Amino acid sequence: MCTSIRLSGVRTFFGRNMDIECSFGENVALTPRGYTIKLRHEREVNSHYAILGMASVIDSYPLYADAFNEKGLCIAGLNFPVNTRYLPIEEINPEKYRIAPFEFPLFLLSKCKSVEECKALLNDTGITDVSFSDQLKATPLHWHIADKDSSVVVECLSTGISVLDDPADVLANNPPFDMQIMNLAAYQNLTPQKAENCLSRLGNFYSLGKAFGAVGLPGDFSSPSRFVKSAYLTALSRMLPPSEITLAHLFSLLRSVAVPKGAVTDSGETGKSHYTLYTCGMDIENMSYNYQRYDRLDINTVYMRQDDIDGRDILIFGDANDKGHA
């Protein structure tokens, strides 16, 4: 369970809700330009773009859930079970890059500065069915990738890697992205304006107030419902003055599809609650990663600072809201 959104106005923002049942040892981490990125089946990368985002850092290796690079390219991985099919290494053309799922965010952000460059690189890439370790198996994911101009969705299906333009600029979980887009057609009647009285022949009715034009907008926490609600609100955001597209507005949209504890649980009396562990927003122009944890009201901000990006070692940031690193 997760939701991601891209917004563009005077500045561009990209963010997501991380909906999960427990912490995964996550912290904001900066991968500087000089950090050596080791890949299982390809040559290591010694010089690359700097990367900042939320990761679980294990054995000095950043496993990014979401991140952006110094050129403003963003990525978020969302849970995508059942439909995901990573390829065995022997099924990938050896002339292509063979990349493990846990390497995928690092791989793209280290090499690409735009969505268009990602599309070109993905034509020469296969994603392998390789786990980080015996304890950390490959997670079934699809990815939302965005820059200041557009966003795409990358899915590994039985038919191969699918790279689809995302006109809605949102992503959730199952079903596959093309089915989510098709489902949007059922909600073309929604409007932010006052609902029209189609029963006027039966007489005038007492007004119940504004917002009835959106009656029928899903409000549950299922993936199709979160996708529709996010797409609807993101589409309405495009009608606002560009100056009103702010980081605060992105957080407002993401909170509208956030999952509180107790709302979604595993089956059984001892089932764990799935909830929005954190919400993040990336400010591409200001090069900042902003996040709010479930149990905190404050928003922490970490900047990609020039003093940090030319190093060789991973930098891990704490939760102090000091606009810098702890």
C-alpha atoms as a PDB file:
ATOM      1  CA  MET A   1       0.000   0.000   0.000  1.00  0.00           C
ATOM      2  CA  CYS A   2       1.410   3.369  -1.075  1.00  0.00           C
ATOM      3  CA  THR A   3       0.491   6.453  -3.095  1.00  0.00           C
ATOM      4  CA  SER A   4       2.745   8.856  -5.023  1.00  0.00           C
ATOM      5  CA  ILE A   5       2.014  12.223  -6.667  1.00  0.00           C
ATOM      6  CA  ARG A   6       3.848  14.658  -8.944  1.00  0.00           C
ATOM      7  CA  LEU A   7       2.831  18.342  -8.894  1.00  0.00           C
ATOM      8  CA  SER A   8       4.188  21.153 -11.042  1.00  0.00           C
ATOM      9  CA  GLY A   9       3.672  24.911 -10.723  1.00  0.00           C
ATOM     10  CA  VAL A  10       6.267  27.590 -10.236  1.00  0.00           C
ATOM     11  CA  ARG A  11       8.292  24.750  -8.701  1.00  0.00           C
ATOM     12  CA  THR A  12       7.986  20.984  -9.103  1.00  0.00           C
ATOM     13  CA  PHE A  13       7.268  18.597  -6.252  1.00  0.00           C
ATOM     14  CA  PHE A  14       7.161  14.824  -5.986  1.00  0.00           C
ATOM     15  CA  GLY A  15       6.109  12.832  -2.947  1.00  0.00           C
ATOM     16  CA  ARG A  16       4.619   9.668  -1.580  1.00  0.00           C
ATOM     17  CA  ASN A  17       2.935   7.980   1.344  1.00  0.00           C
ATOM     18  CA  MET A  18       4.821   4.945   2.611  1.00  0.00           C
ATOM     19  CA  ASP A  19       2.030   2.641   3.755  1.00  0.00           C
ATOM     20  CA  ILE A  20       3.417  -0.388   5.553  1.00  0.00           C
ATOM     21  CA  GLU A  21       2.941  -2.419   8.725  1.00  0.00           C
ATOM     22  CA  CYS A  22       6.255  -1.615  10.414  1.00  0.00           C
ATOM     23  CA  SER A  23       9.450   0.398  10.169  1.00  0.00           C
ATOM     24  CA  PHE A  24      12.132  -0.972   7.839  1.00  0.00           C
ATOM     25  CA  GLY A  25      15.075   0.829   9.433  1.00  0.00           C
ATOM     26  CA  GLU A  26      14.532   3.876   7.248  1.00  0.00           C
ATOM     27  CA  ASN A  27      16.487   7.112   7.422  1.00  0.00           C
ATOM     28  CA  VAL A  28      17.172   9.931   5.007  1.00  0.00           C
ATOM     29  CA  ALA A  29      20.468   9.142   3.287  1.00  0.00           C
ATOM     30  CA  LEU A  30      22.678  11.047   0.868  1.00  0.00           C
ATOM     31  CA  THR A  31      24.703   9.125  -1.688  1.00  0.00           C
ATOM     32  CA  PRO A  32      27.476  11.542  -2.763  1.00  0.00           C
ATOM     33  CA  ARG A  33      29.019  11.680  -6.218  1.00  0.00           C
ATOM     34  CA  GLY A  34      32.140   9.790  -5.174  1.00  0.00           C
ATOM     35  CA  TYR A  35      30.410   6.828  -3.491  1.00  0.00           C
ATOM     36  CA  THR A  36      31.179   3.584  -5.303  1.00  0.00           C
ATOM     37  CA  ILE A  37      27.907   1.963  -6.411  1.00  0.00           C
ATOM     38  CA  LYS A  38      28.455  -1.779  -6.603  1.00  0.00           C
ATOM     39  CA  LEU A  39      26.141  -3.756  -8.876  1.00  0.00           C
ATOM     40  CA  ARG A  40      25.702  -7.535  -8.784  1.00  0.00           C
ATOM     41  CA  HIS A  41      26.046  -8.165 -12.509  1.00  0.00           C
ATOM     42  CA  GLU A  42      27.524  -4.946 -13.877  1.00  0.00           C
ATOM     43  CA  ARG A  43      30.657  -2.916 -13.361  1.00  0.00           C
ATOM     44  CA  GLU A  44      30.682  -0.628 -10.339  1.00  0.00           C
ATOM     45  CA  VAL A  45      29.898   3.056 -10.830  1.00  0.00           C
ATOM     46  CA  ASN A  46      32.528   5.343  -9.321  1.00  0.00           C
ATOM     47  CA  SER A  47      31.307   8.755 -10.521  1.00  0.00           C
ATOM     48  CA  HIS A  48      27.658   9.737 -10.746  1.00  0.00           C
ATOM     49  CA  TYR A  49      24.954  12.212  -9.734  1.00  0.00           C
ATOM     50  CA  ALA A  50      24.375  12.772  -6.016  1.00  0.00           C
ATOM     51  CA  ILE A  51      21.219  11.138  -4.617  1.00  0.00           C
ATOM     52  CA  LEU A  52      19.075  12.001  -1.569  1.00  0.00           C
ATOM     53  CA  GLY A  53      16.095  10.073  -0.207  1.00  0.00           C
ATOM     54  CA  MET A  54      14.661   7.621   2.292  1.00  0.00           C
ATOM     55  CA  ALA A  55      16.621   4.390   2.549  1.00  0.00           C
ATOM     56  CA  SER A  56      17.509   1.475   4.714  1.00  0.00           C
ATOM     57  CA  VAL A  57      21.304   1.503   4.752  1.00  0.00           C
ATOM     58  CA  ILE A  58      22.712  -2.003   5.204  1.00  0.00           C
ATOM     59  CA  ASP A  59      26.437  -2.751   5.067  1.00  0.00           C
ATOM     60  CA  SER A  60      26.987   0.794   3.772  1.00  0.00           C
ATOM     61  CA  TYR A  61      24.606   0.156   0.856  1.00  0.00           C
ATOM     62  CA  PRO A  62      21.539   2.442   0.504  1.00  0.00           C
ATOM     63  CA  LEU A  63      18.332   0.586  -0.313  1.00  0.00           C
ATOM     64  CA  TYR A  64      16.196   3.530  -1.452  1.00  0.00           C
ATOM     65  CA  ALA A  65      12.422   3.465  -1.123  1.00  0.00           C
ATOM     66  CA  ASP A  66      12.197   6.912  -2.740  1.00  0.00           C
ATOM     67  CA  ALA A  67      14.778   9.506  -3.726  1.00  0.00           C
ATOM     68  CA  PHE A  68      15.835  12.237  -6.154  1.00  0.00           C
ATOM     69  CA  ASN A  69      19.142  13.227  -7.716  1.00  0.00           C
ATOM     70  CA  GLU A  70      20.902  16.559  -8.142  1.00  0.00           C
ATOM     71  CA  LYS A  71      19.379  16.998 -11.612  1.00  0.00           C
ATOM     72  CA  GLY A  72      15.817  16.813 -10.268  1.00  0.00           C
ATOM     73  CA  LEU A  73      14.912  13.271 -11.330  1.00  0.00           C
ATOM     74  CA  CYS A  74      12.710  11.513  -8.746  1.00  0.00           C
ATOM     75  CA  ILE A  75      11.689   7.909  -8.114  1.00  0.00           C
ATOM     76  CA  ALA A  76       9.472   5.989  -5.687  1.00  0.00           C
ATOM     77  CA  GLY A  77       8.977   2.236  -5.435  1.00  0.00           C
ATOM     78  CA  LEU A  78       5.457   1.048  -4.563  1.00  0.00           C
ATOM     79  CA  ASN A  79       4.374  -2.436  -3.571  1.00  0.00           C
ATOM     80  CA  PHE A  80       3.101  -4.381  -6.583  1.00  0.00           C
ATOM     81  CA  PRO A  81       2.543  -8.040  -5.605  1.00  0.00           C
ATOM     82  CA  VAL A  82       1.037 -10.797  -7.770  1.00  0.00           C
ATOM     83  CA  ASN A  83       1.661  -8.978 -11.071  1.00  0.00           C
ATOM     84  CA  THR A  84       5.420  -8.445 -10.741  1.00  0.00           C
ATOM     85  CA  ARG A  85       7.719 -10.809 -12.607  1.00  0.00           C
ATOM     86  CA  TYR A  86      11.450 -10.199 -12.390  1.00  0.00           C
ATOM     87  CA  LEU A  87      13.471 -12.197 -14.922  1.00  0.00           C
ATOM     88  CA  PRO A  88      15.997 -14.921 -14.129  1.00  0.00           C
ATOM     89  CA  ILE A  89      19.454 -13.699 -15.089  1.00  0.00           C
ATOM     90  CA  GLU A  90      19.740 -16.227 -17.934  1.00  0.00           C
ATOM     91  CA  GLU A  91      16.596 -14.802 -19.614  1.00  0.00           C
ATOM     92  CA  ILE A  92      18.092 -11.317 -19.984  1.00  0.00           C
ATOM     93  CA  ASN A  93      20.080 -10.441 -23.084  1.00  0.00           C
ATOM     94  CA  PRO A  94      23.707 -10.203 -21.881  1.00  0.00           C
ATOM     95  CA  GLU A  95      24.115  -7.092 -24.016  1.00  0.00           C
ATOM     96  CA  LYS A  96      21.634  -5.319 -21.736  1.00  0.00           C
ATOM     97  CA  TYR A  97      22.200  -3.964 -18.237  1.00  0.00           C
ATOM     98  CA  ARG A  98      21.159  -6.624 -15.722  1.00  0.00           C
ATOM     99  CA  ILE A  99      19.905  -4.803 -12.641  1.00  0.00           C
ATOM    100  CA  ALA A 100      18.472  -6.200  -9.402  1.00  0.00           C
ATOM    101  CA  PRO A 101      15.287  -4.569  -8.008  1.00  0.00           C
ATOM    102  CA  PHE A 102      17.115  -3.163  -4.975  1.00  0.00           C
ATOM    103  CA  GLU A 103      19.675  -1.559  -7.316  1.00  0.00           C
ATOM    104  CA  PHE A 104      17.112  -0.008  -9.613  1.00  0.00           C
ATOM    105  CA  PRO A 105      16.674   3.441  -7.938  1.00  0.00           C
ATOM    106  CA  LEU A 106      20.440   3.878  -7.556  1.00  0.00           C
ATOM    107  CA  PHE A 107      21.049   2.748 -11.126  1.00  0.00           C
ATOM    108  CA  LEU A 108      18.598   5.174 -12.722  1.00  0.00           C
ATOM    109  CA  LEU A 109      19.343   8.166 -10.503  1.00  0.00           C
ATOM    110  CA  SER A 110      23.090   7.725 -10.893  1.00  0.00           C
ATOM    111  CA  LYS A 111      22.915   7.873 -14.705  1.00  0.00           C
ATOM    112  CA  CYS A 112      19.844   9.876 -15.761  1.00  0.00           C
ATOM    113  CA  LYS A 113      18.868  13.518 -15.397  1.00  0.00           C
ATOM    114  CA  SER A 114      15.384  13.307 -16.934  1.00  0.00           C
ATOM    115  CA  VAL A 115      12.448  11.012 -17.608  1.00  0.00           C
ATOM    116  CA  GLU A 116      13.371  10.927 -21.303  1.00  0.00           C
ATOM    117  CA  GLU A 117      16.858   9.677 -20.466  1.00  0.00           C
ATOM    118  CA  CYS A 118      15.281   7.001 -18.254  1.00  0.00           C
ATOM    119  CA  LYS A 119      13.128   5.795 -21.131  1.00  0.00           C
ATOM    120  CA  ALA A 120      16.183   5.429 -23.341  1.00  0.00           C
ATOM    121  CA  LEU A 121      18.176   3.613 -20.660  1.00  0.00           C
ATOM    122  CA  LEU A 122      15.318   1.225 -19.891  1.00  0.00           C
ATOM    123  CA  ASN A 123      15.318   0.048 -23.500  1.00  0.00           C
ATOM    124  CA  ASP A 124      18.708  -1.481 -22.697  1.00  0.00           C
ATOM    125  CA  THR A 125      17.885  -2.781 -19.205  1.00  0.00           C
ATOM    126  CA  GLY A 126      16.491  -5.964 -17.691  1.00  0.00           C
ATOM    127  CA  ILE A 127      15.473  -6.339 -14.042  1.00  0.00           C
ATOM    128  CA  THR A 128      16.671  -9.594 -12.535  1.00  0.00           C
ATOM    129  CA  ASP A 129      15.097 -11.827  -9.926  1.00  0.00           C
ATOM    130  CA  VAL A 130      17.927 -11.255  -7.446  1.00  0.00           C
ATOM    131  CA  SER A 131      17.551 -10.535  -3.720  1.00  0.00           C
ATOM    132  CA  PHE A 132      19.807  -8.326  -1.628  1.00  0.00           C
ATOM    133  CA  SER A 133      20.412 -11.222   0.783  1.00  0.00           C
ATOM    134  CA  ASP A 134      18.826 -14.408   2.086  1.00  0.00           C
ATOM    135  CA  GLN A 135      17.133 -12.312   4.757  1.00  0.00           C
ATOM    136  CA  LEU A 136      16.035  -9.524   2.379  1.00  0.00           C
ATOM    137  CA  LYS A 137      14.202 -11.098  -0.531  1.00  0.00           C
ATOM    138  CA  ALA A 138      13.328  -9.147  -3.666  1.00  0.00           C
ATOM    139  CA  THR A 139      10.195  -7.071  -3.045  1.00  0.00           C
ATOM    140  CA  PRO A 140       7.606  -6.957  -5.855  1.00  0.00           C
ATOM    141  CA  LEU A 141       7.537  -3.294  -6.886  1.00  0.00           C
ATOM    142  CA  HIS A 142       6.601  -0.922  -9.629  1.00  0.00           C
ATOM    143  CA  TRP A 143       8.144   2.529  -9.849  1.00  0.00           C
ATOM    144  CA  HIS A 144       6.880   6.071 -10.336  1.00  0.00           C
ATOM    145  CA  ILE A 145       9.575   8.213 -11.997  1.00  0.00           C
ATOM    146  CA  ALA A 146       9.202  11.975 -12.426  1.00  0.00           C
ATOM    147  CA  ASP A 147      10.981  15.184 -13.370  1.00  0.00           C
ATOM    148  CA  LYS A 148       9.876  18.795 -13.842  1.00  0.00           C
ATOM    149  CA  ASP A 149       8.081  17.982 -17.100  1.00  0.00           C
ATOM    150  CA  SER A 150       6.393  14.585 -16.774  1.00  0.00           C
ATOM    151  CA  SER A 151       6.228  11.208 -15.080  1.00  0.00           C
ATOM    152  CA  VAL A 152       6.207   7.544 -16.112  1.00  0.00           C
ATOM    153  CA  VAL A 153       5.415   4.197 -14.501  1.00  0.00           C
ATOM    154  CA  VAL A 154       7.739   1.202 -14.808  1.00  0.00           C
ATOM    155  CA  GLU A 155       6.326  -2.291 -14.247  1.00  0.00           C
ATOM    156  CA  CYS A 156       7.906  -5.728 -14.616  1.00  0.00           C
ATOM    157  CA  LEU A 157       5.174  -7.966 -15.999  1.00  0.00           C
ATOM    158  CA  SER A 158       5.002 -11.417 -17.547  1.00  0.00           C
ATOM    159  CA  THR A 159       5.120  -9.652 -20.928  1.00  0.00           C
ATOM    160  CA  GLY A 160       8.339  -7.807 -20.034  1.00  0.00           C
ATOM    161  CA  ILE A 161       9.249  -4.339 -18.753  1.00  0.00           C
ATOM    162  CA  SER A 162       6.454  -1.839 -19.314  1.00  0.00           C
ATOM    163  CA  VAL A 163       7.263   1.896 -19.383  1.00  0.00           C
ATOM    164  CA  LEU A 164       4.074   3.953 -19.595  1.00  0.00           C
ATOM    165  CA  ASP A 165       3.545   7.705 -19.648  1.00  0.00           C
ATOM    166  CA  ASP A 166       1.553   8.816 -16.602  1.00  0.00           C
ATOM    167  CA  PRO A 167      -0.844  11.620 -17.590  1.00  0.00           C
ATOM    168  CA  ALA A 168      -2.457  11.494 -14.131  1.00  0.00           C
ATOM    169  CA  ASP A 169       0.918  12.025 -12.415  1.00  0.00           C
ATOM    170  CA  VAL A 170      -0.094   9.595  -9.635  1.00  0.00           C
ATOM    171  CA  LEU A 171       0.513   5.949  -8.772  1.00  0.00           C
ATOM    172  CA  ALA A 172      -0.857   3.466  -6.252  1.00  0.00           C
ATOM    173  CA  ASN A 173      -0.532  -0.336  -6.047  1.00  0.00           C
ATOM    174  CA  ASN A 174      -2.504  -3.070  -7.836  1.00  0.00           C
ATOM    175  CA  PRO A 175      -4.008  -3.442 -10.397  1.00  0.00           C
ATOM    176  CA  PRO A 176      -1.485  -2.650 -13.157  1.00  0.00           C
ATOM    177  CA  PHE A 177      -1.230   0.970 -14.201  1.00  0.00           C
ATOM    178  CA  ASP A 178      -3.143   0.668 -17.496  1.00  0.00           C
ATOM    179  CA  MET A 179      -6.121  -0.785 -15.589  1.00  0.00           C
ATOM    180  CA  GLN A 180      -5.965   2.035 -13.037  1.00  0.00           C
ATOM    181  CA  ILE A 181      -6.133   4.589 -15.846  1.00  0.00           C
ATOM    182  CA  MET A 182      -9.051   2.747 -17.471  1.00  0.00           C
ATOM    183  CA  ASN A 183     -10.917   2.759 -14.154  1.00  0.00           C
ATOM    184  CA  LEU A 184     -10.676   6.575 -14.039  1.00  0.00           C
ATOM    185  CA  ALA A 185     -13.215   6.753 -16.873  1.00  0.00           C
ATOM    186  CA  ALA A 186     -15.975   5.808 -14.415  1.00  0.00           C
ATOM    187  CA  TYR A 187     -15.406   9.085 -12.528  1.00  0.00           C
ATOM    188  CA  GLN A 188     -15.577  11.618 -15.373  1.00  0.00           C
ATOM    189  CA  ASN A 189     -18.693  13.173 -13.828  1.00  0.00           C
ATOM    190  CA  LEU A 190     -16.888  14.449 -10.715  1.00  0.00           C
ATOM    191  CA  THR A 191     -16.632  18.205 -10.340  1.00  0.00           C
ATOM    192  CA  PRO A 192     -15.468  20.653  -7.662  1.00  0.00           C
ATOM    193  CA  GLN A 193     -18.459  22.855  -8.485  1.00  0.00           C
ATOM    194  CA  LYS A 194     -21.952  22.774  -7.049  1.00  0.00           C
ATOM    195  CA  ALA A 195     -23.926  19.749  -8.180  1.00  0.00           C
ATOM    196  CA  GLU A 196     -26.592  20.393 -10.814  1.00  0.00           C
ATOM    197  CA  ASN A 197     -30.158  19.586  -9.800  1.00  0.00           C
ATOM    198  CA  CYS A 198     -31.147  16.980 -12.372  1.00  0.00           C
ATOM    199  CA  LEU A 199     -34.430  16.327 -10.547  1.00  0.00           C
ATOM    200  CA  SER A 200     -35.717  19.881 -10.965  1.00  0.00           C
ATOM    201  CA  ARG A 201     -39.039  18.620 -12.359  1.00  0.00           C
ATOM    202  CA  LEU A 202     -39.744  17.106  -8.968  1.00  0.00           C
ATOM    203  CA  GLY A 203     -39.412  20.457  -7.270  1.00  0.00           C
ATOM    204  CA  ASN A 204     -36.777  22.495  -5.521  1.00  0.00           C
ATOM    205  CA  PHE A 205     -34.733  20.761  -2.861  1.00  0.00           C
ATOM    206  CA  TYR A 206     -33.166  22.069   0.286  1.00  0.00           C
ATOM    207  CA  SER A 207     -29.482  22.735  -0.365  1.00  0.00           C
ATOM    208  CA  LEU A 208     -27.117  20.567   1.667  1.00  0.00           C
ATOM    209  CA  GLY A 209     -24.152  22.790   0.920  1.00  0.00           C
ATOM    210  CA  LYS A 210     -21.205  22.745  -1.431  1.00  0.00           C
ATOM    211  CA  ALA A 211     -18.990  19.825  -2.497  1.00  0.00           C
ATOM    212  CA  PHE A 212     -21.842  17.607  -3.697  1.00  0.00           C
ATOM    213  CA  GLY A 213     -20.332  17.648  -7.182  1.00  0.00           C
ATOM    214  CA  ALA A 214     -17.791  15.127  -5.909  1.00  0.00           C
ATOM    215  CA  VAL A 215     -20.313  12.679  -4.467  1.00  0.00           C
ATOM    216  CA  GLY A 216     -19.087   9.268  -5.555  1.00  0.00           C
ATOM    217  CA  LEU A 217     -15.410  10.086  -5.108  1.00  0.00           C
ATOM    218  CA  PRO A 218     -13.922   7.014  -3.375  1.00  0.00           C
ATOM    219  CA  GLY A 219     -12.850   7.440   0.222  1.00  0.00           C
ATOM    220  CA  ASP A 220     -11.731   3.956   1.209  1.00  0.00           C
ATOM    221  CA  PHE A 221      -8.090   2.853   1.419  1.00  0.00           C
ATOM    222  CA  SER A 222      -7.986   0.366  -1.444  1.00  0.00           C
ATOM    223  CA  SER A 223      -5.452   1.002  -4.175  1.00  0.00           C
ATOM    224  CA  PRO A 224      -7.984   1.803  -6.961  1.00  0.00           C
ATOM    225  CA  SER A 225      -9.777   4.241  -4.646  1.00  0.00           C
ATOM    226  CA  ARG A 226      -6.578   5.982  -3.600  1.00  0.00           C
ATOM    227  CA  PHE A 227      -5.536   6.206  -7.245  1.00  0.00           C
ATOM    228  CA  VAL A 228      -8.835   7.801  -8.279  1.00  0.00           C
ATOM    229  CA  LYS A 229      -8.888  10.281  -5.397  1.00  0.00           C
ATOM    230  CA  SER A 230      -5.248  11.261  -5.970  1.00  0.00           C
ATOM    231  CA  ALA A 231      -5.785  11.634  -9.724  1.00  0.00           C
ATOM    232  CA  TYR A 232      -8.895  13.772  -9.173  1.00  0.00           C
ATOM    233  CA  LEU A 233      -7.190  16.123  -6.713  1.00  0.00           C
ATOM    234  CA  THR A 234      -4.033  16.329  -8.809  1.00  0.00           C
ATOM    235  CA  ALA A 235      -6.095  17.229 -11.888  1.00  0.00           C
ATOM    236  CA  LEU A 236      -7.856  19.993  -9.927  1.00  0.00           C
ATOM    237  CA  SER A 237      -4.464  21.278  -8.783  1.00  0.00           C
ATOM    238  CA  ARG A 238      -3.566  22.005 -12.409  1.00  0.00           C
ATOM    239  CA  MET A 239      -6.358  24.597 -12.437  1.00  0.00           C
ATOM    240  CA  LEU A 240      -4.810  26.556  -9.572  1.00  0.00           C
ATOM    241  CA  PRO A 241      -2.457  29.501 -10.092  1.00  0.00           C
ATOM    242  CA  PRO A 242       1.088  28.085 -10.376  1.00  0.00           C
ATOM    243  CA  SER A 243       2.132  29.993  -7.246  1.00  0.00           C
ATOM    244  CA  GLU A 244      -0.350  27.937  -5.194  1.00  0.00           C
ATOM    245  CA  ILE A 245       1.340  24.657  -6.086  1.00  0.00           C
ATOM    246  CA  THR A 246       3.518  24.396  -2.999  1.00  0.00           C
ATOM    247  CA  LEU A 247       5.087  21.745  -0.828  1.00  0.00           C
ATOM    248  CA  ALA A 248       2.299  22.303   1.693  1.00  0.00           C
ATOM    249  CA  HIS A 249      -0.274  21.638  -1.046  1.00  0.00           C
ATOM    250  CA  LEU A 250       1.459  18.356  -1.954  1.00  0.00           C
ATOM    251  CA  PHE A 251       1.369  17.247   1.684  1.00  0.00           C
ATOM    252  CA  SER A 252      -2.322  18.164   1.843  1.00  0.00           C
ATOM    253  CA  LEU A 253      -3.089  15.921  -1.138  1.00  0.00           C
ATOM    254  CA  LEU A 254      -1.061  13.038   0.250  1.00  0.00           C
ATOM    255  CA  ARG A 255      -2.750  13.333   3.663  1.00  0.00           C
ATOM    256  CA  SER A 256      -6.125  12.954   1.942  1.00  0.00           C
ATOM    257  CA  VAL A 257      -5.155   9.372   1.010  1.00  0.00           C
ATOM    258  CA  ALA A 258      -3.059   8.580   4.107  1.00  0.00           C
ATOM    259  CA  VAL A 259      -3.952   5.474   6.109  1.00  0.00           C
ATOM    260  CA  PRO A 260      -4.462   5.802   9.886  1.00  0.00           C
ATOM    261  CA  LYS A 261      -3.582   2.948  12.215  1.00  0.00           C
ATOM    262  CA  GLY A 262      -6.418   0.462  12.631  1.00  0.00           C
ATOM    263  CA  ALA A 263      -8.067   1.221   9.281  1.00  0.00           C
ATOM    264  CA  VAL A 264      -6.342  -1.645   7.411  1.00  0.00           C
ATOM    265  CA  THR A 265      -5.158  -4.806   9.146  1.00  0.00           C
ATOM    266  CA  ASP A 266      -3.991  -8.277   8.260  1.00  0.00           C
ATOM    267  CA  SER A 267      -6.540 -11.024   8.823  1.00  0.00           C
ATOM    268  CA  GLY A 268      -6.756 -12.623  12.265  1.00  0.00           C
ATOM    269  CA  GLU A 269      -7.007 -11.223  15.755  1.00  0.00           C
ATOM    270  CA  THR A 270      -3.295 -10.450  15.913  1.00  0.00           C
ATOM    271  CA  GLY A 271      -3.150  -8.959  12.428  1.00  0.00           C
ATOM    272  CA  LYS A 272      -0.776  -6.047  12.052  1.00  0.00           C
ATOM    273  CA  SER A 273      -2.091  -2.639  11.083  1.00  0.00           C
ATOM    274  CA  HIS A 274      -0.936  -1.165   7.774  1.00  0.00           C
ATOM    275  CA  TYR A 275      -0.587   2.594   8.065  1.00  0.00           C
ATOM    276  CA  THR A 276       1.223   5.594   6.586  1.00  0.00           C
ATOM    277  CA  LEU A 277       4.612   5.263   8.243  1.00  0.00           C
ATOM    278  CA  TYR A 278       5.762   8.524   6.662  1.00  0.00           C
ATOM    279  CA  THR A 279       4.803  11.060   4.034  1.00  0.00           C
ATOM    280  CA  CYS A 280       7.549  12.719   2.004  1.00  0.00           C
ATOM    281  CA  GLY A 281       7.804  15.586  -0.451  1.00  0.00           C
ATOM    282  CA  MET A 282      10.774  16.385  -2.679  1.00  0.00           C
ATOM    283  CA  ASP A 283      11.293  20.006  -3.727  1.00  0.00           C
ATOM    284  CA  ILE A 284      13.250  19.695  -6.963  1.00  0.00           C
ATOM    285  CA  GLU A 285      14.268  23.345  -7.304  1.00  0.00           C
ATOM    286  CA  ASN A 286      15.301  23.753  -3.663  1.00  0.00           C
ATOM    287  CA  MET A 287      16.965  20.318  -3.618  1.00  0.00           C
ATOM    288  CA  SER A 288      15.258  19.348  -0.360  1.00  0.00           C
ATOM    289  CA  TYR A 289      13.756  16.132   0.985  1.00  0.00           C
ATOM    290  CA  ASN A 290      10.899  16.808   3.409  1.00  0.00           C
ATOM    291  CA  TYR A 291       9.153  14.150   5.461  1.00  0.00           C
ATOM    292  CA  GLN A 292       6.646  13.694   8.253  1.00  0.00           C
ATOM    293  CA  ARG A 293       6.456  10.532  10.337  1.00  0.00           C
ATOM    294  CA  TYR A 294       3.148   9.090  11.495  1.00  0.00           C
ATOM    295  CA  ASP A 295       3.702   9.935  15.155  1.00  0.00           C
ATOM    296  CA  ARG A 296       5.030  13.466  14.561  1.00  0.00           C
ATOM    297  CA  LEU A 297       3.324  16.710  13.592  1.00  0.00           C
ATOM    298  CA  ASP A 298       6.501  18.450  12.479  1.00  0.00           C
ATOM    299  CA  ILE A 299       8.035  18.127   9.017  1.00  0.00           C
ATOM    300  CA  ASN A 300      11.762  17.424   8.838  1.00  0.00           C
ATOM    301  CA  THR A 301      13.777  18.961   6.025  1.00  0.00           C
ATOM    302  CA  VAL A 302      17.119  17.794   4.644  1.00  0.00           C
ATOM    303  CA  TYR A 303      18.866  19.742   1.880  1.00  0.00           C
ATOM    304  CA  MET A 304      21.232  18.348  -0.716  1.00  0.00           C
ATOM    305  CA  ARG A 305      24.074  20.695   0.188  1.00  0.00           C
ATOM    306  CA  GLN A 306      27.050  21.463  -1.999  1.00  0.00           C
ATOM    307  CA  ASP A 307      29.405  20.737   0.911  1.00  0.00           C
ATOM    308  CA  ASP A 308      28.123  17.151   1.096  1.00  0.00           C
ATOM    309  CA  ILE A 309      27.644  15.965  -2.478  1.00  0.00           C
ATOM    310  CA  ASP A 310      31.309  15.588  -3.455  1.00  0.00           C
ATOM    311  CA  GLY A 311      32.169  13.071  -0.749  1.00  0.00           C
ATOM    312  CA  ARG A 312      32.649   9.316  -0.923  1.00  0.00           C
ATOM    313  CA  ASP A 313      30.702   8.032   2.085  1.00  0.00           C
ATOM    314  CA  ILE A 314      26.972   7.678   2.657  1.00  0.00           C
ATOM    315  CA  LEU A 315      25.580  10.373   4.961  1.00  0.00           C
ATOM    316  CA  ILE A 316      22.671   9.409   7.215  1.00  0.00           C
ATOM    317  CA  PHE A 317      20.414  12.121   8.629  1.00  0.00           C
ATOM    318  CA  GLY A 318      18.404  12.078  11.823  1.00  0.00           C
ATOM    319  CA  ASP A 319      14.915  13.417  12.502  1.00  0.00           C
ATOM    320  CA  ALA A 320      15.994  16.805  13.881  1.00  0.00           C
ATOM    321  CA  ASN A 321      14.053  19.521  12.084  1.00  0.00           C
ATOM    322  CA  ASP A 322      17.173  21.621  11.593  1.00  0.00           C
ATOM    323  CA  LYS A 323      17.126  22.064   7.795  1.00  0.00           C
ATOM    324  CA  GLY A 324      20.384  20.185   7.650  1.00  0.00           C
ATOM    325  CA  HIS A 325      21.924  16.960   8.764  1.00  0.00           C
ATOM    326  CA  ALA A 326      22.169  15.666  12.286  1.00  0.00           C
END
